[in-house]
Amino acid sequence: MAKDSVRVTIDQPAGFSKRKPSIITFFALPNGNTTEQTMGKKTKEGDDWHFDIQHIRAQTRFIREQLSDRNFVVIYLENNYKSWPAWKQRHPDFTTTIPHIIDSLRRLIPGKHKDIYLNGHSGGGSFIFGYLASVKKIPSFIKRISFLDSDYGYDSSYYSKFKNWLNTVKGSALNVFAYNDSIALYNGKPFVSATGGTWYRSHLFLQQLRADFSFQQVRDDSLVVYKSGNDQVQFFFKTNPDRKIFHTVQVERNGFIHSILCGTPYDSKKYLYYSERAYSELIEDRVLF
């Protein structure tokens, strides 16, 4: 990959039809991962372990089986630093570049009826916040924003845009996934500050939303879920009494599937979030383009 470049990989369904409405999901890659590793494959001895921790490609196949009346397109966004926070630091013009990436790729997909989803894991959330910082208001063509343990960059400056979007855009949905990283240990030591991880940032986000939206709390085993009255907004908090690291496990355990299907008629049908992989039979032996 050339210096300072952005690599785009478009995964369209084989039976793409212009007559069907499309969901175009921009998936900003997590720190330290390539597109191939993010897509995933069956691993064998000697393979890099990153190929077996996300499986976005297999989860995409699962989603397509449910959403057969729509074209489900995933656009993977990678950069040469393997880090969207690092890329943004080196690109002060990101407020121009990131909207251009979204708009040009959106126009590239055929058809008239296209809903845009913004999604990302880990540092991929930085790409989403980069887009939000670039627009005066979130456009109506964006229908779903999902943070898969990736809202490290959230602060109150973004709140009014989320509030306006949720209140004015029909079909808009927001979902946030986080685990208690504030107490997690790596080699016996904390690696996230008390206010620097997604646990703190997500609770801050939720606290601000609760001033304007009503939420119901649901406890399910180790998950604490907050849902707005119409499931338009959902927060999924993974508790962590053993102080483990669940950063990627949240994605692996049907997290991408749930980020797309939660709050829809397909919510938790044929799969459960943070349960066994519902897509195991859809993992291929190698990464195919």
C-alpha atoms as a PDB file:
ATOM      1  CA  MET A   1       0.000   0.000   0.000  1.00  0.00           C
ATOM      2  CA  ALA A   2       1.362   3.392  -0.999  1.00  0.00           C
ATOM      3  CA  LYS A   3       2.343   5.941   1.642  1.00  0.00           C
ATOM      4  CA  ASP A   4      -0.640   7.801   3.129  1.00  0.00           C
ATOM      5  CA  SER A   5      -3.072   5.788   1.025  1.00  0.00           C
ATOM      6  CA  VAL A   6      -6.541   4.480   1.824  1.00  0.00           C
ATOM      7  CA  ARG A   7      -7.391   1.006   0.612  1.00  0.00           C
ATOM      8  CA  VAL A   8     -11.032   0.350  -0.270  1.00  0.00           C
ATOM      9  CA  THR A   9     -12.483  -3.143  -0.697  1.00  0.00           C
ATOM     10  CA  ILE A  10     -16.111  -3.470  -1.783  1.00  0.00           C
ATOM     11  CA  ASP A  11     -17.950  -6.700  -1.014  1.00  0.00           C
ATOM     12  CA  GLN A  12     -21.182  -6.825  -3.017  1.00  0.00           C
ATOM     13  CA  PRO A  13     -23.550  -9.814  -3.021  1.00  0.00           C
ATOM     14  CA  ALA A  14     -23.231 -12.100  -6.030  1.00  0.00           C
ATOM     15  CA  GLY A  15     -26.872 -11.548  -6.897  1.00  0.00           C
ATOM     16  CA  PHE A  16     -26.786  -7.752  -6.673  1.00  0.00           C
ATOM     17  CA  SER A  17     -29.911  -6.260  -8.224  1.00  0.00           C
ATOM     18  CA  LYS A  18     -30.549  -2.618  -9.056  1.00  0.00           C
ATOM     19  CA  ARG A  19     -34.231  -3.286  -8.433  1.00  0.00           C
ATOM     20  CA  LYS A  20     -33.602  -4.028  -4.760  1.00  0.00           C
ATOM     21  CA  PRO A  21     -32.904  -1.381  -2.134  1.00  0.00           C
ATOM     22  CA  SER A  22     -29.350  -1.483  -0.808  1.00  0.00           C
ATOM     23  CA  ILE A  23     -27.734  -1.215   2.592  1.00  0.00           C
ATOM     24  CA  ILE A  24     -24.166   0.025   2.225  1.00  0.00           C
ATOM     25  CA  THR A  25     -22.124  -0.505   5.377  1.00  0.00           C
ATOM     26  CA  PHE A  26     -18.822   1.317   5.672  1.00  0.00           C
ATOM     27  CA  PHE A  27     -16.670  -0.773   7.996  1.00  0.00           C
ATOM     28  CA  ALA A  28     -13.625   1.128   9.272  1.00  0.00           C
ATOM     29  CA  LEU A  29     -10.938  -1.374  10.237  1.00  0.00           C
ATOM     30  CA  PRO A  30      -9.618  -1.830  13.758  1.00  0.00           C
ATOM     31  CA  ASN A  31      -6.083  -0.859  14.666  1.00  0.00           C
ATOM     32  CA  GLY A  32      -3.398  -3.300  13.556  1.00  0.00           C
ATOM     33  CA  ASN A  33      -5.523  -5.344  11.142  1.00  0.00           C
ATOM     34  CA  THR A  34      -5.539  -5.779   7.393  1.00  0.00           C
ATOM     35  CA  THR A  35      -8.681  -6.136   5.315  1.00  0.00           C
ATOM     36  CA  GLU A  36      -7.970  -9.831   4.803  1.00  0.00           C
ATOM     37  CA  GLN A  37      -7.602 -10.407   8.536  1.00  0.00           C
ATOM     38  CA  THR A  38     -10.776  -8.474   9.231  1.00  0.00           C
ATOM     39  CA  MET A  39     -12.679 -10.557   6.701  1.00  0.00           C
ATOM     40  CA  GLY A  40     -11.344 -13.738   8.289  1.00  0.00           C
ATOM     41  CA  LYS A  41     -10.964 -17.337   7.176  1.00  0.00           C
ATOM     42  CA  LYS A  42     -10.513 -20.829   8.546  1.00  0.00           C
ATOM     43  CA  THR A  43      -7.100 -20.936  10.106  1.00  0.00           C
ATOM     44  CA  LYS A  44      -4.461 -23.621  10.042  1.00  0.00           C
ATOM     45  CA  GLU A  45      -1.139 -24.028  11.783  1.00  0.00           C
ATOM     46  CA  GLY A  46       1.154 -21.107  11.039  1.00  0.00           C
ATOM     47  CA  ASP A  47      -1.615 -18.639  10.163  1.00  0.00           C
ATOM     48  CA  ASP A  48      -1.717 -15.248  11.830  1.00  0.00           C
ATOM     49  CA  TRP A  49      -4.222 -15.308  14.708  1.00  0.00           C
ATOM     50  CA  HIS A  50      -5.836 -12.114  13.422  1.00  0.00           C
ATOM     51  CA  PHE A  51      -7.634 -14.164  10.758  1.00  0.00           C
ATOM     52  CA  ASP A  52      -9.791 -15.805  13.424  1.00  0.00           C
ATOM     53  CA  ILE A  53     -10.953 -12.928  15.615  1.00  0.00           C
ATOM     54  CA  GLN A  54     -13.561 -10.946  13.628  1.00  0.00           C
ATOM     55  CA  HIS A  55     -14.903 -12.860  10.616  1.00  0.00           C
ATOM     56  CA  ILE A  56     -16.742  -9.909   9.138  1.00  0.00           C
ATOM     57  CA  ARG A  57     -16.999 -11.726   5.800  1.00  0.00           C
ATOM     58  CA  ALA A  58     -18.775 -14.758   7.289  1.00  0.00           C
ATOM     59  CA  GLN A  59     -20.993 -12.543   9.427  1.00  0.00           C
ATOM     60  CA  THR A  60     -21.851 -10.626   6.256  1.00  0.00           C
ATOM     61  CA  ARG A  61     -22.965 -13.878   4.622  1.00  0.00           C
ATOM     62  CA  PHE A  62     -25.200 -14.582   7.612  1.00  0.00           C
ATOM     63  CA  ILE A  63     -26.762 -11.125   7.364  1.00  0.00           C
ATOM     64  CA  ARG A  64     -27.399 -11.563   3.648  1.00  0.00           C
ATOM     65  CA  GLU A  65     -29.312 -14.757   4.331  1.00  0.00           C
ATOM     66  CA  GLN A  66     -31.649 -12.773   6.568  1.00  0.00           C
ATOM     67  CA  LEU A  67     -31.916  -9.656   4.405  1.00  0.00           C
ATOM     68  CA  SER A  68     -32.615 -11.451   1.141  1.00  0.00           C
ATOM     69  CA  ASP A  69     -34.904  -8.652  -0.073  1.00  0.00           C
ATOM     70  CA  ARG A  70     -32.026  -6.155  -0.034  1.00  0.00           C
ATOM     71  CA  ASN A  71     -28.496  -5.821  -1.353  1.00  0.00           C
ATOM     72  CA  PHE A  72     -26.198  -5.874   1.662  1.00  0.00           C
ATOM     73  CA  VAL A  73     -22.894  -4.282   0.680  1.00  0.00           C
ATOM     74  CA  VAL A  74     -19.862  -3.956   2.950  1.00  0.00           C
ATOM     75  CA  ILE A  75     -17.100  -1.483   2.146  1.00  0.00           C
ATOM     76  CA  TYR A  76     -13.886  -2.128   4.092  1.00  0.00           C
ATOM     77  CA  LEU A  77     -11.771   0.946   4.800  1.00  0.00           C
ATOM     78  CA  GLU A  78      -8.084   0.399   5.571  1.00  0.00           C
ATOM     79  CA  ASN A  79      -5.136   2.784   5.626  1.00  0.00           C
ATOM     80  CA  ASN A  80      -1.396   2.277   5.447  1.00  0.00           C
ATOM     81  CA  TYR A  81      -0.910   3.047   9.148  1.00  0.00           C
ATOM     82  CA  LYS A  82      -3.396   0.320  10.128  1.00  0.00           C
ATOM     83  CA  SER A  83      -4.850   2.951  12.439  1.00  0.00           C
ATOM     84  CA  TRP A  84      -7.484   5.562  11.741  1.00  0.00           C
ATOM     85  CA  PRO A  85      -6.427   7.713  14.715  1.00  0.00           C
ATOM     86  CA  ALA A  86      -2.856   7.769  13.363  1.00  0.00           C
ATOM     87  CA  TRP A  87      -4.079   8.479   9.826  1.00  0.00           C
ATOM     88  CA  LYS A  88      -6.169  11.432  10.998  1.00  0.00           C
ATOM     89  CA  GLN A  89      -3.253  12.905  12.928  1.00  0.00           C
ATOM     90  CA  ARG A  90      -1.241  12.984   9.710  1.00  0.00           C
ATOM     91  CA  HIS A  91      -4.123  14.341   7.633  1.00  0.00           C
ATOM     92  CA  PRO A  92      -5.378  17.668   8.970  1.00  0.00           C
ATOM     93  CA  ASP A  93      -7.590  17.836   5.873  1.00  0.00           C
ATOM     94  CA  PHE A  94      -9.570  14.765   7.010  1.00  0.00           C
ATOM     95  CA  THR A  95     -12.725  16.886   7.300  1.00  0.00           C
ATOM     96  CA  THR A  96     -12.619  17.133   3.512  1.00  0.00           C
ATOM     97  CA  THR A  97     -11.171  13.725   2.697  1.00  0.00           C
ATOM     98  CA  ILE A  98     -13.451  11.519   4.798  1.00  0.00           C
ATOM     99  CA  PRO A  99     -16.761  12.925   3.437  1.00  0.00           C
ATOM    100  CA  HIS A 100     -15.315  12.585  -0.064  1.00  0.00           C
ATOM    101  CA  ILE A 101     -14.600   8.895   0.599  1.00  0.00           C
ATOM    102  CA  ILE A 102     -18.169   8.309   1.797  1.00  0.00           C
ATOM    103  CA  ASP A 103     -19.870  10.301  -0.941  1.00  0.00           C
ATOM    104  CA  SER A 104     -17.841   8.991  -3.865  1.00  0.00           C
ATOM    105  CA  LEU A 105     -18.226   5.352  -2.825  1.00  0.00           C
ATOM    106  CA  ARG A 106     -21.929   5.810  -2.106  1.00  0.00           C
ATOM    107  CA  ARG A 107     -22.439   7.059  -5.649  1.00  0.00           C
ATOM    108  CA  LEU A 108     -20.384   4.175  -7.023  1.00  0.00           C
ATOM    109  CA  ILE A 109     -22.916   1.551  -5.875  1.00  0.00           C
ATOM    110  CA  PRO A 110     -25.722   1.197  -8.466  1.00  0.00           C
ATOM    111  CA  GLY A 111     -29.371   1.802  -7.676  1.00  0.00           C
ATOM    112  CA  LYS A 112     -31.577   4.593  -6.374  1.00  0.00           C
ATOM    113  CA  HIS A 113     -32.544   3.365  -2.902  1.00  0.00           C
ATOM    114  CA  LYS A 114     -29.416   3.257  -0.750  1.00  0.00           C
ATOM    115  CA  ASP A 115     -29.207   3.434   3.030  1.00  0.00           C
ATOM    116  CA  ILE A 116     -25.778   4.111   4.504  1.00  0.00           C
ATOM    117  CA  TYR A 117     -24.554   2.481   7.711  1.00  0.00           C
ATOM    118  CA  LEU A 118     -21.383   3.660   9.469  1.00  0.00           C
ATOM    119  CA  ASN A 119     -19.678   0.899  11.414  1.00  0.00           C
ATOM    120  CA  GLY A 120     -16.269   0.196  12.862  1.00  0.00           C
ATOM    121  CA  HIS A 121     -14.327  -1.678  15.501  1.00  0.00           C
ATOM    122  CA  SER A 122     -11.556  -0.371  17.772  1.00  0.00           C
ATOM    123  CA  GLY A 123      -9.761   2.536  16.087  1.00  0.00           C
ATOM    124  CA  GLY A 124     -12.324   2.360  13.301  1.00  0.00           C
ATOM    125  CA  GLY A 125     -14.537   4.541  15.452  1.00  0.00           C
ATOM    126  CA  SER A 126     -12.089   7.375  14.816  1.00  0.00           C
ATOM    127  CA  PHE A 127     -13.097   7.313  11.144  1.00  0.00           C
ATOM    128  CA  ILE A 128     -16.773   7.675  12.127  1.00  0.00           C
ATOM    129  CA  PHE A 129     -16.036  10.606  14.426  1.00  0.00           C
ATOM    130  CA  GLY A 130     -13.909  12.109  11.675  1.00  0.00           C
ATOM    131  CA  TYR A 131     -16.951  12.036   9.411  1.00  0.00           C
ATOM    132  CA  LEU A 132     -19.220  13.494  12.105  1.00  0.00           C
ATOM    133  CA  ALA A 133     -16.742  16.318  12.689  1.00  0.00           C
ATOM    134  CA  SER A 134     -16.845  17.061   8.966  1.00  0.00           C
ATOM    135  CA  VAL A 135     -20.594  17.660   8.571  1.00  0.00           C
ATOM    136  CA  LYS A 136     -22.867  20.314  10.085  1.00  0.00           C
ATOM    137  CA  LYS A 137     -25.508  17.675  10.605  1.00  0.00           C
ATOM    138  CA  ILE A 138     -25.669  13.945   9.986  1.00  0.00           C
ATOM    139  CA  PRO A 139     -27.232  13.453   6.519  1.00  0.00           C
ATOM    140  CA  SER A 140     -30.595  11.748   6.187  1.00  0.00           C
ATOM    141  CA  PHE A 141     -29.129   9.022   3.958  1.00  0.00           C
ATOM    142  CA  ILE A 142     -27.215   7.708   6.980  1.00  0.00           C
ATOM    143  CA  LYS A 143     -29.602   5.352   8.738  1.00  0.00           C
ATOM    144  CA  ARG A 144     -27.464   3.473  11.264  1.00  0.00           C
ATOM    145  CA  ILE A 145     -24.311   4.220  13.222  1.00  0.00           C
ATOM    146  CA  SER A 146     -22.650   1.399  15.155  1.00  0.00           C
ATOM    147  CA  PHE A 147     -19.663   1.563  17.480  1.00  0.00           C
ATOM    148  CA  LEU A 148     -18.193  -1.900  18.074  1.00  0.00           C
ATOM    149  CA  ASP A 149     -16.086  -1.090  21.128  1.00  0.00           C
ATOM    150  CA  SER A 150     -14.872   1.919  19.198  1.00  0.00           C
ATOM    151  CA  ASP A 151     -16.271   5.147  20.668  1.00  0.00           C
ATOM    152  CA  TYR A 152     -13.009   6.194  22.358  1.00  0.00           C
ATOM    153  CA  GLY A 153     -13.301   9.576  20.681  1.00  0.00           C
ATOM    154  CA  TYR A 154     -16.748  10.463  21.969  1.00  0.00           C
ATOM    155  CA  ASP A 155     -17.212  13.763  23.782  1.00  0.00           C
ATOM    156  CA  SER A 156     -20.137  16.107  24.322  1.00  0.00           C
ATOM    157  CA  SER A 157     -19.329  18.144  21.211  1.00  0.00           C
ATOM    158  CA  TYR A 158     -20.921  15.398  19.102  1.00  0.00           C
ATOM    159  CA  TYR A 159     -24.087  15.085  21.141  1.00  0.00           C
ATOM    160  CA  SER A 160     -26.253  17.690  19.405  1.00  0.00           C
ATOM    161  CA  LYS A 161     -25.607  16.056  16.024  1.00  0.00           C
ATOM    162  CA  PHE A 162     -26.663  12.652  17.311  1.00  0.00           C
ATOM    163  CA  LYS A 163     -29.730  14.106  19.021  1.00  0.00           C
ATOM    164  CA  ASN A 164     -30.861  16.003  15.923  1.00  0.00           C
ATOM    165  CA  TRP A 165     -30.281  12.989  13.681  1.00  0.00           C
ATOM    166  CA  LEU A 166     -32.195  10.595  15.936  1.00  0.00           C
ATOM    167  CA  ASN A 167     -35.097  13.035  16.255  1.00  0.00           C
ATOM    168  CA  THR A 168     -35.406  14.031  12.604  1.00  0.00           C
ATOM    169  CA  VAL A 169     -34.216  11.181  10.371  1.00  0.00           C
ATOM    170  CA  LYS A 170     -36.811   8.463   9.883  1.00  0.00           C
ATOM    171  CA  GLY A 171     -35.344   5.000  10.417  1.00  0.00           C
ATOM    172  CA  SER A 172     -32.192   6.254  12.128  1.00  0.00           C
ATOM    173  CA  ALA A 173     -30.615   3.857  14.629  1.00  0.00           C
ATOM    174  CA  LEU A 174     -27.651   4.052  16.971  1.00  0.00           C
ATOM    175  CA  ASN A 175     -26.030   1.138  18.773  1.00  0.00           C
ATOM    176  CA  VAL A 176     -22.972   1.069  20.976  1.00  0.00           C
ATOM    177  CA  PHE A 177     -21.007  -1.941  22.247  1.00  0.00           C
ATOM    178  CA  ALA A 178     -18.510  -1.741  25.097  1.00  0.00           C
ATOM    179  CA  TYR A 179     -16.982  -3.834  27.849  1.00  0.00           C
ATOM    180  CA  ASN A 180     -15.526  -2.746  31.165  1.00  0.00           C
ATOM    181  CA  ASP A 181     -12.042  -1.989  29.924  1.00  0.00           C
ATOM    182  CA  SER A 182     -11.464   0.429  32.803  1.00  0.00           C
ATOM    183  CA  ILE A 183     -10.618  -2.520  35.067  1.00  0.00           C
ATOM    184  CA  ALA A 184      -9.204  -4.935  32.459  1.00  0.00           C
ATOM    185  CA  LEU A 185      -5.637  -6.141  32.957  1.00  0.00           C
ATOM    186  CA  TYR A 186      -2.891  -6.877  30.443  1.00  0.00           C
ATOM    187  CA  ASN A 187       0.109  -8.691  31.916  1.00  0.00           C
ATOM    188  CA  GLY A 188      -1.338  -7.922  35.315  1.00  0.00           C
ATOM    189  CA  LYS A 189      -1.594  -4.164  34.769  1.00  0.00           C
ATOM    190  CA  PRO A 190      -4.385  -1.799  33.655  1.00  0.00           C
ATOM    191  CA  PHE A 191      -3.885  -0.532  30.104  1.00  0.00           C
ATOM    192  CA  VAL A 192      -6.755   1.951  29.840  1.00  0.00           C
ATOM    193  CA  SER A 193      -7.212   4.995  32.031  1.00  0.00           C
ATOM    194  CA  ALA A 194     -10.394   5.370  34.056  1.00  0.00           C
ATOM    195  CA  THR A 195     -11.786   7.872  31.523  1.00  0.00           C
ATOM    196  CA  GLY A 196     -10.013   6.825  28.336  1.00  0.00           C
ATOM    197  CA  GLY A 197     -11.757   3.605  27.362  1.00  0.00           C
ATOM    198  CA  THR A 198     -15.056   2.766  25.730  1.00  0.00           C
ATOM    199  CA  TRP A 199     -16.663   1.827  29.074  1.00  0.00           C
ATOM    200  CA  TYR A 200     -16.378   5.384  30.358  1.00  0.00           C
ATOM    201  CA  ARG A 201     -17.057   7.056  27.005  1.00  0.00           C
ATOM    202  CA  SER A 202     -20.131   4.902  26.349  1.00  0.00           C
ATOM    203  CA  HIS A 203     -21.599   5.622  29.775  1.00  0.00           C
ATOM    204  CA  LEU A 204     -20.984   9.336  29.226  1.00  0.00           C
ATOM    205  CA  PHE A 205     -22.750   9.058  25.867  1.00  0.00           C
ATOM    206  CA  LEU A 206     -25.673   7.191  27.445  1.00  0.00           C
ATOM    207  CA  GLN A 207     -25.934   9.671  30.311  1.00  0.00           C
ATOM    208  CA  GLN A 208     -26.330  12.535  27.865  1.00  0.00           C
ATOM    209  CA  LEU A 209     -28.884  10.646  25.780  1.00  0.00           C
ATOM    210  CA  ARG A 210     -30.968   9.862  28.858  1.00  0.00           C
ATOM    211  CA  ALA A 211     -31.690  13.565  29.250  1.00  0.00           C
ATOM    212  CA  ASP A 212     -33.659  13.457  25.992  1.00  0.00           C
ATOM    213  CA  PHE A 213     -34.625   9.796  25.467  1.00  0.00           C
ATOM    214  CA  SER A 214     -36.252   7.206  27.713  1.00  0.00           C
ATOM    215  CA  PHE A 215     -34.356   3.961  28.242  1.00  0.00           C
ATOM    216  CA  GLN A 216     -35.183   0.582  29.705  1.00  0.00           C
ATOM    217  CA  GLN A 217     -32.437  -1.484  31.326  1.00  0.00           C
ATOM    218  CA  VAL A 218     -32.323  -5.226  30.704  1.00  0.00           C
ATOM    219  CA  ARG A 219     -29.866  -7.582  32.380  1.00  0.00           C
ATOM    220  CA  ASP A 220     -28.957 -10.835  30.611  1.00  0.00           C
ATOM    221  CA  ASP A 221     -26.231 -12.893  32.244  1.00  0.00           C
ATOM    222  CA  SER A 222     -23.071 -10.771  31.885  1.00  0.00           C
ATOM    223  CA  LEU A 223     -24.665  -8.172  29.612  1.00  0.00           C
ATOM    224  CA  VAL A 224     -26.413  -4.995  30.694  1.00  0.00           C
ATOM    225  CA  VAL A 225     -28.475  -3.552  27.847  1.00  0.00           C
ATOM    226  CA  TYR A 226     -30.123  -0.148  27.636  1.00  0.00           C
ATOM    227  CA  LYS A 227     -32.822   0.309  24.997  1.00  0.00           C
ATOM    228  CA  SER A 228     -34.793   3.372  24.047  1.00  0.00           C
ATOM    229  CA  GLY A 229     -38.547   2.944  23.916  1.00  0.00           C
ATOM    230  CA  ASN A 230     -38.621   1.992  20.248  1.00  0.00           C
ATOM    231  CA  ASP A 231     -35.214   0.250  20.184  1.00  0.00           C
ATOM    232  CA  GLN A 232     -33.883   3.138  18.101  1.00  0.00           C
ATOM    233  CA  VAL A 233     -30.925   3.482  20.457  1.00  0.00           C
ATOM    234  CA  GLN A 234     -29.268   0.510  22.155  1.00  0.00           C
ATOM    235  CA  PHE A 235     -26.209   0.188  24.382  1.00  0.00           C
ATOM    236  CA  PHE A 236     -24.672  -3.209  25.102  1.00  0.00           C
ATOM    237  CA  PHE A 237     -22.377  -3.288  28.132  1.00  0.00           C
ATOM    238  CA  LYS A 238     -20.325  -6.407  28.880  1.00  0.00           C
ATOM    239  CA  THR A 239     -19.462  -6.658  32.561  1.00  0.00           C
ATOM    240  CA  ASN A 240     -15.982  -7.807  33.515  1.00  0.00           C
ATOM    241  CA  PRO A 241     -15.670  -9.180  37.064  1.00  0.00           C
ATOM    242  CA  ASP A 242     -12.561 -11.193  36.139  1.00  0.00           C
ATOM    243  CA  ARG A 243     -10.821  -8.171  34.600  1.00  0.00           C
ATOM    244  CA  LYS A 244     -10.308  -9.847  31.220  1.00  0.00           C
ATOM    245  CA  ILE A 245      -9.916  -8.333  27.749  1.00  0.00           C
ATOM    246  CA  PHE A 246     -13.055  -8.628  25.597  1.00  0.00           C
ATOM    247  CA  HIS A 247     -12.183  -6.028  22.991  1.00  0.00           C
ATOM    248  CA  THR A 248     -12.446  -8.299  19.948  1.00  0.00           C
ATOM    249  CA  VAL A 249     -14.600 -11.026  21.487  1.00  0.00           C
ATOM    250  CA  GLN A 250     -17.522  -8.608  21.280  1.00  0.00           C
ATOM    251  CA  VAL A 251     -17.168  -8.667  17.495  1.00  0.00           C
ATOM    252  CA  GLU A 252     -16.452 -12.376  17.154  1.00  0.00           C
ATOM    253  CA  ARG A 253     -19.527 -13.393  19.144  1.00  0.00           C
ATOM    254  CA  ASN A 254     -21.985 -12.199  16.510  1.00  0.00           C
ATOM    255  CA  GLY A 255     -21.258  -8.557  17.245  1.00  0.00           C
ATOM    256  CA  PHE A 256     -21.235  -7.389  13.634  1.00  0.00           C
ATOM    257  CA  ILE A 257     -24.445  -9.311  12.953  1.00  0.00           C
ATOM    258  CA  HIS A 258     -26.134  -7.688  15.932  1.00  0.00           C
ATOM    259  CA  SER A 259     -24.906  -4.224  14.999  1.00  0.00           C
ATOM    260  CA  ILE A 260     -26.838  -4.575  11.735  1.00  0.00           C
ATOM    261  CA  LEU A 261     -29.915  -6.505  12.846  1.00  0.00           C
ATOM    262  CA  CYS A 262     -30.645  -5.310  16.379  1.00  0.00           C
ATOM    263  CA  GLY A 263     -33.885  -3.381  16.583  1.00  0.00           C
ATOM    264  CA  THR A 264     -35.148  -4.935  13.335  1.00  0.00           C
ATOM    265  CA  PRO A 265     -37.558  -7.862  12.796  1.00  0.00           C
ATOM    266  CA  TYR A 266     -34.446 -10.081  12.516  1.00  0.00           C
ATOM    267  CA  ASP A 267     -33.103  -9.146  15.947  1.00  0.00           C
ATOM    268  CA  SER A 268     -31.771 -12.258  17.743  1.00  0.00           C
ATOM    269  CA  LYS A 269     -33.372 -14.651  15.258  1.00  0.00           C
ATOM    270  CA  LYS A 270     -31.074 -17.572  14.377  1.00  0.00           C
ATOM    271  CA  TYR A 271     -28.340 -15.937  16.453  1.00  0.00           C
ATOM    272  CA  LEU A 272     -27.721 -14.354  19.848  1.00  0.00           C
ATOM    273  CA  TYR A 273     -25.305 -11.561  20.615  1.00  0.00           C
ATOM    274  CA  TYR A 274     -22.367 -12.623  22.772  1.00  0.00           C
ATOM    275  CA  SER A 275     -23.135 -16.284  22.218  1.00  0.00           C
ATOM    276  CA  GLU A 276     -21.628 -19.024  20.070  1.00  0.00           C
ATOM    277  CA  ARG A 277     -20.726 -18.083  16.511  1.00  0.00           C
ATOM    278  CA  ALA A 278     -23.876 -18.276  14.399  1.00  0.00           C
ATOM    279  CA  TYR A 279     -21.807 -18.035  11.223  1.00  0.00           C
ATOM    280  CA  SER A 280     -19.292 -20.864  11.707  1.00  0.00           C
ATOM    281  CA  GLU A 281     -20.461 -22.816   8.663  1.00  0.00           C
ATOM    282  CA  LEU A 282     -20.091 -19.709   6.518  1.00  0.00           C
ATOM    283  CA  ILE A 283     -16.362 -19.248   7.167  1.00  0.00           C
ATOM    284  CA  GLU A 284     -14.361 -20.065   4.044  1.00  0.00           C
ATOM    285  CA  ASP A 285     -10.958 -21.733   3.804  1.00  0.00           C
ATOM    286  CA  ARG A 286      -9.332 -18.646   2.355  1.00  0.00           C
ATOM    287  CA  VAL A 287     -10.034 -14.984   1.764  1.00  0.00           C
ATOM    288  CA  LEU A 288     -11.694 -14.543  -1.595  1.00  0.00           C
ATOM    289  CA  PHE A 289     -12.295 -11.338  -3.542  1.00  0.00           C
END
